[in-house]
PDB file of N, CA and C in Angstrom:
ATOM      1  N   UNK A   1      -1.470 -17.027  10.816  1.00  0.00           N
ATOM      2  CA  UNK A   1      -1.475 -15.570  10.889  1.00  0.00           C
ATOM      3  C   UNK A   1      -2.604 -15.126  11.807  1.00  0.00           C
ATOM      4  N   UNK A   2      -2.330 -14.142  12.639  1.00  0.00           N
ATOM      5  CA  UNK A   2      -3.333 -13.609  13.548  1.00  0.00           C
ATOM      6  C   UNK A   2      -4.328 -12.749  12.784  1.00  0.00           C
ATOM      7  N   UNK A   3      -5.540 -12.687  13.305  1.00  0.00           N
ATOM      8  CA  UNK A   3      -6.562 -11.820  12.717  1.00  0.00           C
ATOM      9  C   UNK A   3      -6.644 -10.533  13.533  1.00  0.00           C
ATOM     10  N   UNK A   4      -6.883  -9.435  12.843  1.00  0.00           N
ATOM     11  CA  UNK A   4      -6.981  -8.131  13.480  1.00  0.00           C
ATOM     12  C   UNK A   4      -8.269  -7.451  13.043  1.00  0.00           C
ATOM     13  N   UNK A   5      -8.738  -6.558  13.863  1.00  0.00           N
ATOM     14  CA  UNK A   5      -9.899  -5.737  13.507  1.00  0.00           C
ATOM     15  C   UNK A   5      -9.531  -4.280  13.742  1.00  0.00           C
ATOM     16  N   UNK A   6     -10.032  -3.420  12.895  1.00  0.00           N
ATOM     17  CA  UNK A   6      -9.779  -1.992  13.025  1.00  0.00           C
ATOM     18  C   UNK A   6     -11.121  -1.314  13.273  1.00  0.00           C
ATOM     19  N   UNK A   7     -11.197  -0.502  14.308  1.00  0.00           N
ATOM     20  CA  UNK A   7     -12.429   0.216  14.636  1.00  0.00           C
ATOM     21  C   UNK A   7     -12.171   1.698  14.396  1.00  0.00           C
ATOM     22  N   UNK A   8     -13.014   2.308  13.581  1.00  0.00           N
ATOM     23  CA  UNK A   8     -12.875   3.728  13.282  1.00  0.00           C
ATOM     24  C   UNK A   8     -13.853   4.532  14.121  1.00  0.00           C
ATOM     25  N   UNK A   9     -13.383   5.625  14.654  1.00  0.00           N
ATOM     26  CA  UNK A   9     -14.235   6.452  15.501  1.00  0.00           C
ATOM     27  C   UNK A   9     -15.135   7.363  14.694  1.00  0.00           C
ATOM     28  N   UNK A  10     -16.117   7.885  15.366  1.00  0.00           N
ATOM     29  CA  UNK A  10     -17.068   8.784  14.723  1.00  0.00           C
ATOM     30  C   UNK A  10     -16.763  10.228  15.048  1.00  0.00           C
ATOM     31  N   UNK A  11     -17.751  11.071  14.879  1.00  0.00           N
ATOM     32  CA  UNK A  11     -17.566  12.507  15.022  1.00  0.00           C
ATOM     33  C   UNK A  11     -17.208  12.903  16.452  1.00  0.00           C
ATOM     34  N   UNK A  12     -17.605  12.115  17.429  1.00  0.00           N
ATOM     35  CA  UNK A  12     -17.267  12.426  18.810  1.00  0.00           C
ATOM     36  C   UNK A  12     -15.773  12.366  19.082  1.00  0.00           C
ATOM     37  N   UNK A  13     -15.031  11.736  18.184  1.00  0.00           N
ATOM     38  CA  UNK A  13     -13.586  11.602  18.308  1.00  0.00           C
ATOM     39  C   UNK A  13     -12.871  12.930  18.129  1.00  0.00           C
ATOM     40  N   UNK A  14     -13.394  13.775  17.280  1.00  0.00           N
ATOM     41  CA  UNK A  14     -12.665  14.982  16.885  1.00  0.00           C
ATOM     42  C   UNK A  14     -12.684  16.026  17.990  1.00  0.00           C
ATOM     43  N   UNK A  15     -11.570  16.621  18.216  1.00  0.00           N
ATOM     44  CA  UNK A  15     -11.462  17.773  19.102  1.00  0.00           C
ATOM     45  C   UNK A  15     -10.400  18.691  18.524  1.00  0.00           C
ATOM     46  N   UNK A  16     -10.174  19.790  19.164  1.00  0.00           N
ATOM     47  CA  UNK A  16      -9.175  20.721  18.647  1.00  0.00           C
ATOM     48  C   UNK A  16      -7.764  20.216  18.907  1.00  0.00           C
ATOM     49  N   UNK A  17      -7.616  19.178  19.709  1.00  0.00           N
ATOM     50  CA  UNK A  17      -6.306  18.592  19.976  1.00  0.00           C
ATOM     51  C   UNK A  17      -5.794  17.878  18.732  1.00  0.00           C
ATOM     52  N   UNK A  18      -4.578  18.210  18.320  1.00  0.00           N
ATOM     53  CA  UNK A  18      -3.964  17.537  17.177  1.00  0.00           C
ATOM     54  C   UNK A  18      -2.973  16.513  17.730  1.00  0.00           C
ATOM     55  N   UNK A  19      -3.243  15.221  17.485  1.00  0.00           N
ATOM     56  CA  UNK A  19      -2.305  14.206  17.983  1.00  0.00           C
ATOM     57  C   UNK A  19      -0.892  14.447  17.468  1.00  0.00           C
ATOM     58  N   UNK A  20       0.064  14.028  18.254  1.00  0.00           N
ATOM     59  CA  UNK A  20       1.481  14.226  17.930  1.00  0.00           C
ATOM     60  C   UNK A  20       1.840  13.672  16.551  1.00  0.00           C
ATOM     61  N   UNK A  21       1.215  12.582  16.157  1.00  0.00           N
ATOM     62  CA  UNK A  21       1.538  11.942  14.875  1.00  0.00           C
ATOM     63  C   UNK A  21       1.229  12.864  13.685  1.00  0.00           C
ATOM     64  N   UNK A  22       0.246  13.757  13.841  1.00  0.00           N
ATOM     65  CA  UNK A  22      -0.111  14.650  12.743  1.00  0.00           C
ATOM     66  C   UNK A  22       0.755  15.907  12.711  1.00  0.00           C
ATOM     67  N   UNK A  23       1.583  16.098  13.717  1.00  0.00           N
ATOM     68  CA  UNK A  23       2.516  17.220  13.699  1.00  0.00           C
ATOM     69  C   UNK A  23       3.760  16.883  12.897  1.00  0.00           C
ATOM     70  N   UNK A  24       3.957  15.586  12.635  1.00  0.00           N
ATOM     71  CA  UNK A  24       5.107  15.131  11.858  1.00  0.00           C
ATOM     72  C   UNK A  24       4.680  14.948  10.408  1.00  0.00           C
ATOM     73  N   UNK A  25       5.598  15.081   9.508  1.00  0.00           N
ATOM     74  CA  UNK A  25       5.296  14.864   8.091  1.00  0.00           C
ATOM     75  C   UNK A  25       5.641  13.426   7.707  1.00  0.00           C
ATOM     76  N   UNK A  26       4.803  12.500   8.120  1.00  0.00           N
ATOM     77  CA  UNK A  26       4.989  11.095   7.773  1.00  0.00           C
ATOM     78  C   UNK A  26       4.435  10.916   6.367  1.00  0.00           C
ATOM     79  N   UNK A  27       5.257  10.467   5.426  1.00  0.00           N
ATOM     80  CA  UNK A  27       4.861  10.444   4.014  1.00  0.00           C
ATOM     81  C   UNK A  27       3.534   9.745   3.721  1.00  0.00           C
ATOM     82  N   UNK A  28       3.282   8.602   4.312  1.00  0.00           N
ATOM     83  CA  UNK A  28       2.045   7.878   3.991  1.00  0.00           C
ATOM     84  C   UNK A  28       0.812   8.626   4.498  1.00  0.00           C
ATOM     85  N   UNK A  29       0.953   9.320   5.615  1.00  0.00           N
ATOM     86  CA  UNK A  29      -0.163  10.117   6.146  1.00  0.00           C
ATOM     87  C   UNK A  29      -0.367  11.347   5.277  1.00  0.00           C
ATOM     88  N   UNK A  30       0.712  12.034   4.962  1.00  0.00           N
ATOM     89  CA  UNK A  30       0.618  13.237   4.121  1.00  0.00           C
ATOM     90  C   UNK A  30       0.044  12.902   2.749  1.00  0.00           C
ATOM     91  N   UNK A  31       0.467  11.781   2.174  1.00  0.00           N
ATOM     92  CA  UNK A  31      -0.038  11.368   0.855  1.00  0.00           C
ATOM     93  C   UNK A  31      -1.536  11.084   0.908  1.00  0.00           C
ATOM     94  N   UNK A  32      -1.992  10.457   1.972  1.00  0.00           N
ATOM     95  CA  UNK A  32      -3.425  10.185   2.134  1.00  0.00           C
ATOM     96  C   UNK A  32      -4.203  11.491   2.241  1.00  0.00           C
ATOM     97  N   UNK A  33      -3.685  12.443   2.997  1.00  0.00           N
ATOM     98  CA  UNK A  33      -4.338  13.746   3.124  1.00  0.00           C
ATOM     99  C   UNK A  33      -4.344  14.491   1.791  1.00  0.00           C
ATOM    100  N   UNK A  34      -3.256  14.413   1.050  1.00  0.00           N
ATOM    101  CA  UNK A  34      -3.182  15.080  -0.255  1.00  0.00           C
ATOM    102  C   UNK A  34      -4.219  14.509  -1.226  1.00  0.00           C
ATOM    103  N   UNK A  35      -4.346  13.191  -1.237  1.00  0.00           N
ATOM    104  CA  UNK A  35      -5.319  12.552  -2.129  1.00  0.00           C
ATOM    105  C   UNK A  35      -6.746  12.949  -1.752  1.00  0.00           C
ATOM    106  N   UNK A  36      -7.057  12.875  -0.478  1.00  0.00           N
ATOM    107  CA  UNK A  36      -8.403  13.248  -0.035  1.00  0.00           C
ATOM    108  C   UNK A  36      -8.685  14.725  -0.315  1.00  0.00           C
ATOM    109  N   UNK A  37      -7.704  15.556  -0.074  1.00  0.00           N
ATOM    110  CA  UNK A  37      -7.869  16.997  -0.311  1.00  0.00           C
ATOM    111  C   UNK A  37      -8.133  17.304  -1.778  1.00  0.00           C
ATOM    112  N   UNK A  38      -7.452  16.589  -2.666  1.00  0.00           N
ATOM    113  CA  UNK A  38      -7.667  16.828  -4.092  1.00  0.00           C
ATOM    114  C   UNK A  38      -9.073  16.392  -4.512  1.00  0.00           C
ATOM    115  N   UNK A  39      -9.607  15.391  -3.853  1.00  0.00           N
ATOM    116  CA  UNK A  39     -10.960  14.920  -4.192  1.00  0.00           C
ATOM    117  C   UNK A  39     -12.037  15.920  -3.795  1.00  0.00           C
ATOM    118  N   UNK A  40     -11.841  16.597  -2.667  1.00  0.00           N
ATOM    119  CA  UNK A  40     -12.886  17.532  -2.205  1.00  0.00           C
ATOM    120  C   UNK A  40     -12.514  18.996  -2.423  1.00  0.00           C
ATOM    121  N   UNK A  41     -11.333  19.219  -3.012  1.00  0.00           N
ATOM    122  CA  UNK A  41     -10.851  20.573  -3.316  1.00  0.00           C
ATOM    123  C   UNK A  41     -10.786  21.465  -2.074  1.00  0.00           C
ATOM    124  N   UNK A  42     -10.275  20.882  -1.009  1.00  0.00           N
ATOM    125  CA  UNK A  42     -10.048  21.614   0.243  1.00  0.00           C
ATOM    126  C   UNK A  42      -8.843  20.981   0.918  1.00  0.00           C
ATOM    127  N   UNK A  43      -7.914  21.795   1.422  1.00  0.00           N
ATOM    128  CA  UNK A  43      -6.697  21.277   2.035  1.00  0.00           C
ATOM    129  C   UNK A  43      -6.991  20.821   3.468  1.00  0.00           C
ATOM    130  N   UNK A  44      -7.265  19.522   3.620  1.00  0.00           N
ATOM    131  CA  UNK A  44      -7.589  18.957   4.925  1.00  0.00           C
ATOM    132  C   UNK A  44      -6.399  19.014   5.882  1.00  0.00           C
ATOM    133  N   UNK A  45      -5.195  18.868   5.354  1.00  0.00           N
ATOM    134  CA  UNK A  45      -3.992  18.910   6.192  1.00  0.00           C
ATOM    135  C   UNK A  45      -3.867  20.269   6.879  1.00  0.00           C
ATOM    136  N   UNK A  46      -4.011  21.340   6.096  1.00  0.00           N
ATOM    137  CA  UNK A  46      -3.949  22.682   6.685  1.00  0.00           C
ATOM    138  C   UNK A  46      -5.132  22.929   7.614  1.00  0.00           C
ATOM    139  N   UNK A  47      -6.287  22.428   7.215  1.00  0.00           N
ATOM    140  CA  UNK A  47      -7.470  22.588   8.060  1.00  0.00           C
ATOM    141  C   UNK A  47      -7.296  21.922   9.412  1.00  0.00           C
ATOM    142  N   UNK A  48      -6.666  20.767   9.426  1.00  0.00           N
ATOM    143  CA  UNK A  48      -6.404  20.056  10.680  1.00  0.00           C
ATOM    144  C   UNK A  48      -5.368  20.795  11.514  1.00  0.00           C
ATOM    145  N   UNK A  49      -4.270  21.166  10.877  1.00  0.00           N
ATOM    146  CA  UNK A  49      -3.181  21.815  11.622  1.00  0.00           C
ATOM    147  C   UNK A  49      -3.586  23.186  12.168  1.00  0.00           C
ATOM    148  N   UNK A  50      -4.395  23.895  11.416  1.00  0.00           N
ATOM    149  CA  UNK A  50      -4.808  25.236  11.854  1.00  0.00           C
ATOM    150  C   UNK A  50      -6.116  25.209  12.649  1.00  0.00           C
ATOM    151  N   UNK A  51      -6.680  24.017  12.835  1.00  0.00           N
ATOM    152  CA  UNK A  51      -7.941  23.842  13.559  1.00  0.00           C
ATOM    153  C   UNK A  51      -9.060  24.686  12.949  1.00  0.00           C
ATOM    154  N   UNK A  52      -9.148  24.688  11.627  1.00  0.00           N
ATOM    155  CA  UNK A  52     -10.161  25.471  10.917  1.00  0.00           C
ATOM    156  C   UNK A  52     -11.453  24.701  10.695  1.00  0.00           C
ATOM    157  N   UNK A  53     -11.442  23.408  10.917  1.00  0.00           N
ATOM    158  CA  UNK A  53     -12.583  22.591  10.516  1.00  0.00           C
ATOM    159  C   UNK A  53     -13.639  22.498  11.603  1.00  0.00           C
ATOM    160  N   UNK A  54     -13.269  22.701  12.850  1.00  0.00           N
ATOM    161  CA  UNK A  54     -14.251  22.565  13.927  1.00  0.00           C
ATOM    162  C   UNK A  54     -15.192  23.768  14.029  1.00  0.00           C
ATOM    163  N   UNK A  55     -14.816  24.876  13.432  1.00  0.00           N
ATOM    164  CA  UNK A  55     -15.696  26.044  13.540  1.00  0.00           C
ATOM    165  C   UNK A  55     -16.863  25.940  12.545  1.00  0.00           C
ATOM    166  N   UNK A  56     -17.821  26.787  12.693  1.00  0.00           N
ATOM    167  CA  UNK A  56     -19.036  26.732  11.873  1.00  0.00           C
ATOM    168  C   UNK A  56     -18.754  26.956  10.394  1.00  0.00           C
ATOM    169  N   UNK A  57     -17.749  27.718  10.068  1.00  0.00           N
ATOM    170  CA  UNK A  57     -17.477  28.070   8.678  1.00  0.00           C
ATOM    171  C   UNK A  57     -17.124  26.850   7.825  1.00  0.00           C
ATOM    172  N   UNK A  58     -16.325  25.944   8.345  1.00  0.00           N
ATOM    173  CA  UNK A  58     -15.848  24.808   7.571  1.00  0.00           C
ATOM    174  C   UNK A  58     -16.340  23.464   8.102  1.00  0.00           C
ATOM    175  N   UNK A  59     -17.453  23.460   8.771  1.00  0.00           N
ATOM    176  CA  UNK A  59     -17.958  22.244   9.399  1.00  0.00           C
ATOM    177  C   UNK A  59     -18.288  21.143   8.382  1.00  0.00           C
ATOM    178  N   UNK A  60     -18.542  21.495   7.140  1.00  0.00           N
ATOM    179  CA  UNK A  60     -18.863  20.487   6.121  1.00  0.00           C
ATOM    180  C   UNK A  60     -17.664  19.587   5.807  1.00  0.00           C
ATOM    181  N   UNK A  61     -16.481  19.978   6.245  1.00  0.00           N
ATOM    182  CA  UNK A  61     -15.290  19.175   5.998  1.00  0.00           C
ATOM    183  C   UNK A  61     -14.948  18.246   7.171  1.00  0.00           C
ATOM    184  N   UNK A  62     -15.762  18.268   8.221  1.00  0.00           N
ATOM    185  CA  UNK A  62     -15.470  17.455   9.395  1.00  0.00           C
ATOM    186  C   UNK A  62     -15.541  15.958   9.090  1.00  0.00           C
ATOM    187  N   UNK A  63     -16.570  15.505   8.405  1.00  0.00           N
ATOM    188  CA  UNK A  63     -16.682  14.080   8.085  1.00  0.00           C
ATOM    189  C   UNK A  63     -15.561  13.615   7.140  1.00  0.00           C
ATOM    190  N   UNK A  64     -15.265  14.363   6.069  1.00  0.00           N
ATOM    191  CA  UNK A  64     -14.119  13.955   5.243  1.00  0.00           C
ATOM    192  C   UNK A  64     -12.812  13.929   6.032  1.00  0.00           C
ATOM    193  N   UNK A  65     -12.646  14.864   6.974  1.00  0.00           N
ATOM    194  CA  UNK A  65     -11.434  14.880   7.795  1.00  0.00           C
ATOM    195  C   UNK A  65     -11.344  13.625   8.656  1.00  0.00           C
ATOM    196  N   UNK A  66     -12.441  13.252   9.301  1.00  0.00           N
ATOM    197  CA  UNK A  66     -12.441  12.060  10.151  1.00  0.00           C
ATOM    198  C   UNK A  66     -12.146  10.797   9.347  1.00  0.00           C
ATOM    199  N   UNK A  67     -12.732  10.700   8.170  1.00  0.00           N
ATOM    200  CA  UNK A  67     -12.462   9.547   7.313  1.00  0.00           C
ATOM    201  C   UNK A  67     -10.992   9.527   6.889  1.00  0.00           C
ATOM    202  N   UNK A  68     -10.463  10.674   6.531  1.00  0.00           N
ATOM    203  CA  UNK A  68      -9.066  10.762   6.105  1.00  0.00           C
ATOM    204  C   UNK A  68      -8.116  10.393   7.240  1.00  0.00           C
ATOM    205  N   UNK A  69      -8.397  10.866   8.447  1.00  0.00           N
ATOM    206  CA  UNK A  69      -7.582  10.499   9.607  1.00  0.00           C
ATOM    207  C   UNK A  69      -7.594   8.986   9.794  1.00  0.00           C
ATOM    208  N   UNK A  70      -8.774   8.393   9.725  1.00  0.00           N
ATOM    209  CA  UNK A  70      -8.907   6.946   9.921  1.00  0.00           C
ATOM    210  C   UNK A  70      -8.144   6.162   8.853  1.00  0.00           C
ATOM    211  N   UNK A  71      -8.308   6.541   7.605  1.00  0.00           N
ATOM    212  CA  UNK A  71      -7.631   5.839   6.511  1.00  0.00           C
ATOM    213  C   UNK A  71      -6.117   6.027   6.618  1.00  0.00           C
ATOM    214  N   UNK A  72      -5.674   7.235   6.942  1.00  0.00           N
ATOM    215  CA  UNK A  72      -4.239   7.495   7.063  1.00  0.00           C
ATOM    216  C   UNK A  72      -3.619   6.660   8.184  1.00  0.00           C
ATOM    217  N   UNK A  73      -4.286   6.601   9.317  1.00  0.00           N
ATOM    218  CA  UNK A  73      -3.764   5.804  10.425  1.00  0.00           C
ATOM    219  C   UNK A  73      -3.787   4.315  10.097  1.00  0.00           C
ATOM    220  N   UNK A  74      -4.828   3.877   9.383  1.00  0.00           N
ATOM    221  CA  UNK A  74      -4.900   2.480   8.963  1.00  0.00           C
ATOM    222  C   UNK A  74      -3.746   2.139   8.022  1.00  0.00           C
ATOM    223  N   UNK A  75      -3.492   3.007   7.057  1.00  0.00           N
ATOM    224  CA  UNK A  75      -2.388   2.764   6.125  1.00  0.00           C
ATOM    225  C   UNK A  75      -1.043   2.739   6.844  1.00  0.00           C
ATOM    226  N   UNK A  76      -0.863   3.639   7.808  1.00  0.00           N
ATOM    227  CA  UNK A  76       0.376   3.661   8.571  1.00  0.00           C
ATOM    228  C   UNK A  76       0.518   2.372   9.378  1.00  0.00           C
ATOM    229  N   UNK A  77      -0.557   1.935  10.003  1.00  0.00           N
ATOM    230  CA  UNK A  77      -0.535   0.706  10.788  1.00  0.00           C
ATOM    231  C   UNK A  77      -0.202  -0.493   9.908  1.00  0.00           C
ATOM    232  N   UNK A  78      -0.836  -0.567   8.745  1.00  0.00           N
ATOM    233  CA  UNK A  78      -0.568  -1.663   7.810  1.00  0.00           C
ATOM    234  C   UNK A  78       0.908  -1.650   7.397  1.00  0.00           C
ATOM    235  N   UNK A  79       1.404  -0.473   7.100  1.00  0.00           N
ATOM    236  CA  UNK A  79       2.794  -0.370   6.657  1.00  0.00           C
ATOM    237  C   UNK A  79       3.750  -0.828   7.749  1.00  0.00           C
ATOM    238  N   UNK A  80       3.501  -0.402   8.972  1.00  0.00           N
ATOM    239  CA  UNK A  80       4.386  -0.764  10.077  1.00  0.00           C
ATOM    240  C   UNK A  80       4.240  -2.229  10.467  1.00  0.00           C
ATOM    241  N   UNK A  81       3.030  -2.722  10.461  1.00  0.00           N
ATOM    242  CA  UNK A  81       2.764  -4.082  10.943  1.00  0.00           C
ATOM    243  C   UNK A  81       3.029  -5.151   9.892  1.00  0.00           C
ATOM    244  N   UNK A  82       2.645  -4.862   8.654  1.00  0.00           N
ATOM    245  CA  UNK A  82       2.692  -5.881   7.611  1.00  0.00           C
ATOM    246  C   UNK A  82       3.529  -5.461   6.408  1.00  0.00           C
ATOM    247  N   UNK A  83       4.540  -4.687   6.612  1.00  0.00           N
ATOM    248  CA  UNK A  83       5.305  -4.150   5.480  1.00  0.00           C
ATOM    249  C   UNK A  83       5.901  -5.252   4.606  1.00  0.00           C
ATOM    250  N   UNK A  84       6.118  -6.416   5.155  1.00  0.00           N
ATOM    251  CA  UNK A  84       6.685  -7.510   4.362  1.00  0.00           C
ATOM    252  C   UNK A  84       5.620  -8.309   3.628  1.00  0.00           C
ATOM    253  N   UNK A  85       4.356  -8.152   4.018  1.00  0.00           N
ATOM    254  CA  UNK A  85       3.291  -8.976   3.461  1.00  0.00           C
ATOM    255  C   UNK A  85       2.330  -8.243   2.542  1.00  0.00           C
ATOM    256  N   UNK A  86       2.331  -6.922   2.606  1.00  0.00           N
ATOM    257  CA  UNK A  86       1.312  -6.147   1.908  1.00  0.00           C
ATOM    258  C   UNK A  86       1.942  -5.315   0.798  1.00  0.00           C
ATOM    259  N   UNK A  87       1.435  -5.467  -0.399  1.00  0.00           N
ATOM    260  CA  UNK A  87       2.058  -4.788  -1.532  1.00  0.00           C
ATOM    261  C   UNK A  87       1.595  -3.337  -1.680  1.00  0.00           C
ATOM    262  N   UNK A  88       0.492  -2.905  -1.073  1.00  0.00           N
ATOM    263  CA  UNK A  88      -0.008  -1.536  -1.269  1.00  0.00           C
ATOM    264  C   UNK A  88       0.270  -0.623  -0.114  1.00  0.00           C
ATOM    265  N   UNK A  89       0.914  -1.095   0.929  1.00  0.00           N
ATOM    266  CA  UNK A  89       1.145  -0.270   2.118  1.00  0.00           C
ATOM    267  C   UNK A  89       2.177   0.804   1.841  1.00  0.00           C
TER     268      UNK A  89
END
């Protein structure tokens, strides 16, 4: 089996541009956002789609948003790449 590494970006990654993948309602991504949102009591999905997090008012949600994006993309990658080998994807 090949070995893989995943590199997560930092705060410099975020911009007001919403990648095409987040415009779609992919269940594993939406579920990850829902879980993270319930933990911090803020709707990160709406914040991302409406670009509410980059402004000064909601800047405290930027780090949770970046982590959620990274985890959601990782879960999607695992599901697509290793769907036959991974029981939690």
